[in-house]
Amino acid sequence: MSERKLPLHVAFIMDGNGRWAKRRGLPRVRGHVEGVKSVERVIDFAKKVGIPYLTFYAFSTENWKRPKEEVQFLMELLREYLKEKLPIFLRDNIRVSFIGRRDRIPRETLEWMEKVERETAKCSSIWVFVAVDYGGRDEIVRGINRLLKEGLKEVDENTFRRFLDFPPEVPDPDLLIRTAGERRISNFLLWYLAYTELYFTDTLWPDFDEREFERALEDYAKRVRKFGGLPPDEEENS
């Protein structure tokens, strides 16, 4: 396992919670509850194999269009999850941060998001990012507005990245995994996915487990990442 090429940063589009519940004749919200368990499995497995960064797409800027009751449930689910798991994050040395807008998050949920960020800031076994009220285009626009407030008139890519949501020391995702069969990136991490490897699975998110994660990592390990250049064997022969 240690000799295999592993990604430093894996991002997830966690799709299929509603379909998982519907197939079982359960309320949609039950799918979200089960989806949280998959997040925990993924974090545990990433720690085990040595992946230092994870990002989960939990709630998009477009998800406000969903039924009010579902949105309210998701915000309450996040808050209660953070309340319950903060001691475990600290025990297991898990750092948790959030990316996305914060001006529309319900106050009590936002308070717990900020509390978890503060109290886990020195944890170092793995850094988990949760995208809440996040959209890739929205992030870029917010970054431009921050840049304009600084009075900058000319920037390069590295300078611009400092105005985006990820801290500058966090690498771009090496691998994006999307569940439930859809094959698109849905406005997620647009700036950062320029050279990210994409992996799509038909597995619904609540069914995504260590075995499914392992399949994705095995697939990633076989890929040759060129970043616009030539593969190593072609460089040697050129």
Protein backbone atom coordinates (compact mmCIF):
# COMPACT_ATOMS: atom_id res chain seq x y z
CA MET A 1 0.00 0.00 0.00
CA SER A 2 2.78 2.45 0.93
CA GLU A 3 4.59 1.95 -2.44
CA ARG A 4 1.52 2.77 -4.51
CA LYS A 5 1.08 6.20 -6.02
CA LEU A 6 -1.52 7.92 -3.84
CA PRO A 7 -3.21 11.28 -4.31
CA LEU A 8 -2.43 13.98 -1.77
CA HIS A 9 -5.87 15.55 -2.08
CA VAL A 10 -9.13 13.79 -2.96
CA ALA A 11 -12.38 15.69 -3.53
CA PHE A 12 -15.85 14.13 -3.51
CA ILE A 13 -19.16 15.04 -5.13
CA MET A 14 -21.45 13.02 -2.89
CA ASP A 15 -24.38 12.26 -5.16
CA GLY A 16 -27.24 9.80 -4.75
CA ASN A 17 -28.53 10.25 -1.20
CA GLY A 18 -32.08 10.93 -2.37
CA ARG A 19 -32.10 8.03 -4.82
CA TRP A 20 -30.75 5.70 -2.14
CA ALA A 21 -33.67 6.60 0.13
CA LYS A 22 -36.28 6.46 -2.65
CA ARG A 23 -35.25 2.95 -3.67
CA ARG A 24 -35.90 1.84 -0.11
CA GLY A 25 -39.19 3.68 0.29
CA LEU A 26 -37.65 6.05 2.83
CA PRO A 27 -37.82 9.86 3.15
CA ARG A 28 -35.10 11.74 1.24
CA VAL A 29 -33.65 13.02 4.49
CA ARG A 30 -32.83 9.46 5.55
CA GLY A 31 -30.47 9.28 2.60
CA HIS A 32 -28.59 12.31 3.91
CA VAL A 33 -28.25 10.69 7.34
CA GLU A 34 -26.79 7.56 5.76
CA GLY A 35 -24.54 9.71 3.59
CA VAL A 36 -22.87 11.13 6.69
CA LYS A 37 -21.79 7.60 7.60
CA SER A 38 -20.03 7.33 4.24
CA VAL A 39 -18.14 10.54 4.99
CA GLU A 40 -16.88 8.99 8.21
CA ARG A 41 -15.80 5.79 6.43
CA VAL A 42 -13.92 7.78 3.81
CA ILE A 43 -12.09 9.88 6.41
CA ASP A 44 -11.07 6.81 8.38
CA PHE A 45 -9.80 5.05 5.26
CA ALA A 46 -7.91 8.12 4.04
CA LYS A 47 -6.16 8.37 7.40
CA LYS A 48 -5.31 4.67 7.24
CA VAL A 49 -3.65 4.84 3.81
CA GLY A 50 -2.06 8.27 4.30
CA ILE A 51 -4.06 10.74 2.21
CA PRO A 52 -3.59 14.13 3.94
CA TYR A 53 -6.39 16.23 2.36
CA LEU A 54 -10.06 15.54 1.63
CA THR A 55 -12.81 17.85 0.38
CA PHE A 56 -16.54 17.03 0.46
CA TYR A 57 -19.17 18.91 -1.56
CA ALA A 58 -21.91 19.07 1.08
CA PHE A 59 -24.18 21.93 -0.04
CA SER A 60 -23.96 23.98 -3.22
CA THR A 61 -25.00 27.56 -3.92
CA GLU A 62 -27.77 26.04 -6.04
CA ASN A 63 -29.06 23.73 -3.30
CA TRP A 64 -31.05 26.60 -1.79
CA LYS A 65 -33.56 25.85 -4.57
CA ARG A 66 -34.49 22.57 -2.89
CA PRO A 67 -37.64 22.32 -0.73
CA LYS A 68 -37.38 24.52 2.36
CA GLU A 69 -37.88 21.57 4.69
CA GLU A 70 -34.98 19.66 3.14
CA VAL A 71 -32.66 22.67 3.30
CA GLN A 72 -33.55 23.23 6.94
CA PHE A 73 -32.92 19.56 7.70
CA LEU A 74 -29.51 19.65 6.02
CA MET A 75 -28.43 22.69 8.01
CA GLU A 76 -29.62 21.12 11.24
CA LEU A 77 -27.95 17.82 10.34
CA LEU A 78 -24.64 19.61 9.80
CA ARG A 79 -24.94 21.47 13.10
CA GLU A 80 -25.80 18.37 15.13
CA TYR A 81 -23.09 16.36 13.42
CA LEU A 82 -20.47 18.95 14.33
CA LYS A 83 -21.69 19.06 17.93
CA GLU A 84 -21.47 15.29 18.22
CA LYS A 85 -18.19 14.77 16.39
CA LEU A 86 -16.03 17.65 17.65
CA PRO A 87 -14.59 15.56 20.53
CA ILE A 88 -13.82 12.77 18.05
CA PHE A 89 -12.10 15.19 15.65
CA LEU A 90 -9.90 16.32 18.53
CA ARG A 91 -9.23 12.78 19.75
CA ASP A 92 -8.30 11.57 16.26
CA ASN A 93 -6.30 14.70 15.38
CA ILE A 94 -8.59 15.64 12.44
CA ARG A 95 -8.56 19.24 11.26
CA VAL A 96 -11.86 20.45 9.77
CA SER A 97 -12.35 23.61 7.72
CA PHE A 98 -15.13 24.98 5.52
CA ILE A 99 -15.12 26.62 2.11
CA GLY A 100 -17.94 28.60 0.53
CA ARG A 101 -20.11 31.56 1.45
CA ARG A 102 -20.98 32.23 5.07
CA ASP A 103 -23.48 35.06 4.81
CA ARG A 104 -26.50 32.78 4.20
CA ILE A 105 -25.79 29.97 6.66
CA PRO A 106 -28.19 29.86 9.66
CA ARG A 107 -26.55 31.50 12.67
CA GLU A 108 -26.42 28.44 14.95
CA THR A 109 -24.97 26.24 12.22
CA LEU A 110 -22.39 28.89 11.32
CA GLU A 111 -21.37 29.23 14.96
CA TRP A 112 -20.64 25.50 15.13
CA MET A 113 -18.74 25.58 11.85
CA GLU A 114 -16.51 28.34 13.19
CA LYS A 115 -16.12 26.61 16.57
CA VAL A 116 -14.97 23.38 14.92
CA GLU A 117 -12.53 25.31 12.73
CA ARG A 118 -11.02 27.08 15.74
CA GLU A 119 -10.75 24.06 17.98
CA THR A 120 -9.29 21.71 15.37
CA ALA A 121 -6.90 24.28 13.87
CA LYS A 122 -3.82 22.57 15.33
CA CYS A 123 -4.86 19.01 14.46
CA SER A 124 -2.55 17.47 11.90
CA SER A 125 -3.33 13.84 10.97
CA ILE A 126 -5.63 14.84 8.09
CA TRP A 127 -7.21 18.09 6.90
CA VAL A 128 -10.86 17.76 5.90
CA PHE A 129 -12.63 20.52 3.98
CA VAL A 130 -16.40 20.71 3.76
CA ALA A 131 -17.90 22.86 0.99
CA VAL A 132 -21.08 24.51 2.31
CA ASP A 133 -23.02 27.08 0.26
CA TYR A 134 -20.24 26.64 -2.25
CA GLY A 135 -20.13 27.20 -5.99
CA GLY A 136 -17.02 27.34 -8.15
CA ARG A 137 -18.13 30.40 -10.10
CA ASP A 138 -19.23 32.13 -6.92
CA GLU A 139 -15.82 31.47 -5.35
CA ILE A 140 -14.03 33.03 -8.31
CA VAL A 141 -16.28 36.11 -8.24
CA ARG A 142 -15.74 36.48 -4.48
CA GLY A 143 -12.01 36.17 -5.06
CA ILE A 144 -12.07 38.91 -7.70
CA ASN A 145 -13.98 41.19 -5.35
CA ARG A 146 -11.42 40.59 -2.59
CA LEU A 147 -8.65 41.34 -5.05
CA LEU A 148 -10.29 44.60 -6.12
CA LYS A 149 -10.65 45.67 -2.49
CA GLU A 150 -6.89 45.21 -2.13
CA GLY A 151 -6.41 47.63 -5.02
CA LEU A 152 -4.51 45.13 -7.16
CA LYS A 153 -4.58 45.81 -10.88
CA GLU A 154 -2.44 42.95 -12.14
CA VAL A 155 -1.99 39.45 -10.73
CA ASP A 156 -0.61 36.07 -11.70
CA GLU A 157 -2.19 32.69 -10.96
CA ASN A 158 -0.39 32.22 -7.65
CA THR A 159 -1.42 35.66 -6.42
CA PHE A 160 -5.04 35.15 -7.46
CA ARG A 161 -5.24 31.79 -5.70
CA ARG A 162 -4.53 33.55 -2.39
CA PHE A 163 -7.90 35.29 -2.73
CA LEU A 164 -9.81 32.03 -3.11
CA ASP A 165 -11.21 29.75 -0.41
CA PHE A 166 -8.51 27.11 0.03
CA PRO A 167 -5.51 28.15 2.13
CA PRO A 168 -2.47 28.60 -0.16
CA GLU A 169 -0.65 25.62 1.34
CA VAL A 170 -3.41 23.19 0.32
CA PRO A 171 -2.64 21.46 -3.00
CA ASP A 172 -5.16 21.25 -5.81
CA PRO A 173 -7.13 18.00 -5.79
CA ASP A 174 -5.31 15.16 -7.53
CA LEU A 175 -8.48 13.07 -7.77
CA LEU A 176 -12.17 13.94 -7.94
CA ILE A 177 -14.63 11.14 -7.20
CA ARG A 178 -18.30 11.54 -8.11
CA THR A 179 -20.85 8.93 -7.14
CA ALA A 180 -24.28 7.93 -8.50
CA GLY A 181 -23.45 7.82 -12.20
CA GLU A 182 -23.46 11.50 -13.15
CA ARG A 183 -20.47 12.60 -15.24
CA ARG A 184 -20.04 16.30 -14.70
CA ILE A 185 -18.38 18.53 -12.12
CA SER A 186 -21.44 20.64 -11.24
CA ASN A 187 -19.75 23.96 -10.48
CA PHE A 188 -17.35 22.36 -7.97
CA LEU A 189 -13.79 23.63 -7.42
CA LEU A 190 -13.60 25.11 -10.93
CA TRP A 191 -10.29 26.90 -10.39
CA TYR A 192 -8.57 23.89 -8.85
CA LEU A 193 -9.64 21.05 -11.16
CA ALA A 194 -7.54 22.05 -14.18
CA TYR A 195 -5.39 18.89 -14.01
CA THR A 196 -7.40 16.78 -11.60
CA GLU A 197 -8.05 13.14 -12.49
CA LEU A 198 -11.80 12.39 -12.63
CA TYR A 199 -13.34 9.14 -11.42
CA PHE A 200 -17.03 8.36 -11.80
CA THR A 201 -18.88 5.47 -10.19
CA ASP A 202 -22.50 4.35 -10.36
CA THR A 203 -22.43 3.58 -6.63
CA LEU A 204 -24.78 5.82 -4.63
CA TRP A 205 -23.04 7.84 -1.95
CA PRO A 206 -24.56 6.05 1.08
CA ASP A 207 -23.17 2.79 -0.39
CA PHE A 208 -19.70 4.23 -1.00
CA ASP A 209 -17.37 2.37 1.33
CA GLU A 210 -13.70 1.48 1.79
CA ARG A 211 -13.87 -1.05 -1.05
CA GLU A 212 -15.24 1.54 -3.48
CA PHE A 213 -12.62 4.07 -2.38
CA GLU A 214 -9.93 1.43 -2.91
CA ARG A 215 -11.16 0.86 -6.48
CA ALA A 216 -10.88 4.57 -7.20
CA LEU A 217 -7.36 4.69 -5.78
CA GLU A 218 -6.31 1.66 -7.82
CA ASP A 219 -7.61 3.37 -10.96
CA TYR A 220 -5.78 6.58 -10.06
CA ALA A 221 -2.51 4.71 -9.51
CA LYS A 222 -2.59 3.44 -13.11
CA ARG A 223 -2.94 6.88 -14.66
CA VAL A 224 -0.06 8.89 -16.10
CA ARG A 225 -0.39 12.58 -15.21
CA LYS A 226 1.29 14.75 -17.84
CA PHE A 227 0.16 18.26 -16.82
CA GLY A 228 0.37 19.31 -20.47
CA GLY A 229 3.80 17.75 -21.03
CA LEU A 230 4.98 14.36 -22.27
CA PRO A 231 4.84 11.09 -20.35
CA PRO A 232 8.19 10.29 -18.68
CA ASP A 233 9.02 7.47 -21.13
CA GLU A 234 8.47 9.75 -24.14
CA GLU A 235 10.64 12.49 -22.59
CA GLU A 236 13.51 10.03 -22.27
CA ASN A 237 13.23 9.05 -25.94
CA SER A 238 12.71 12.53 -27.37
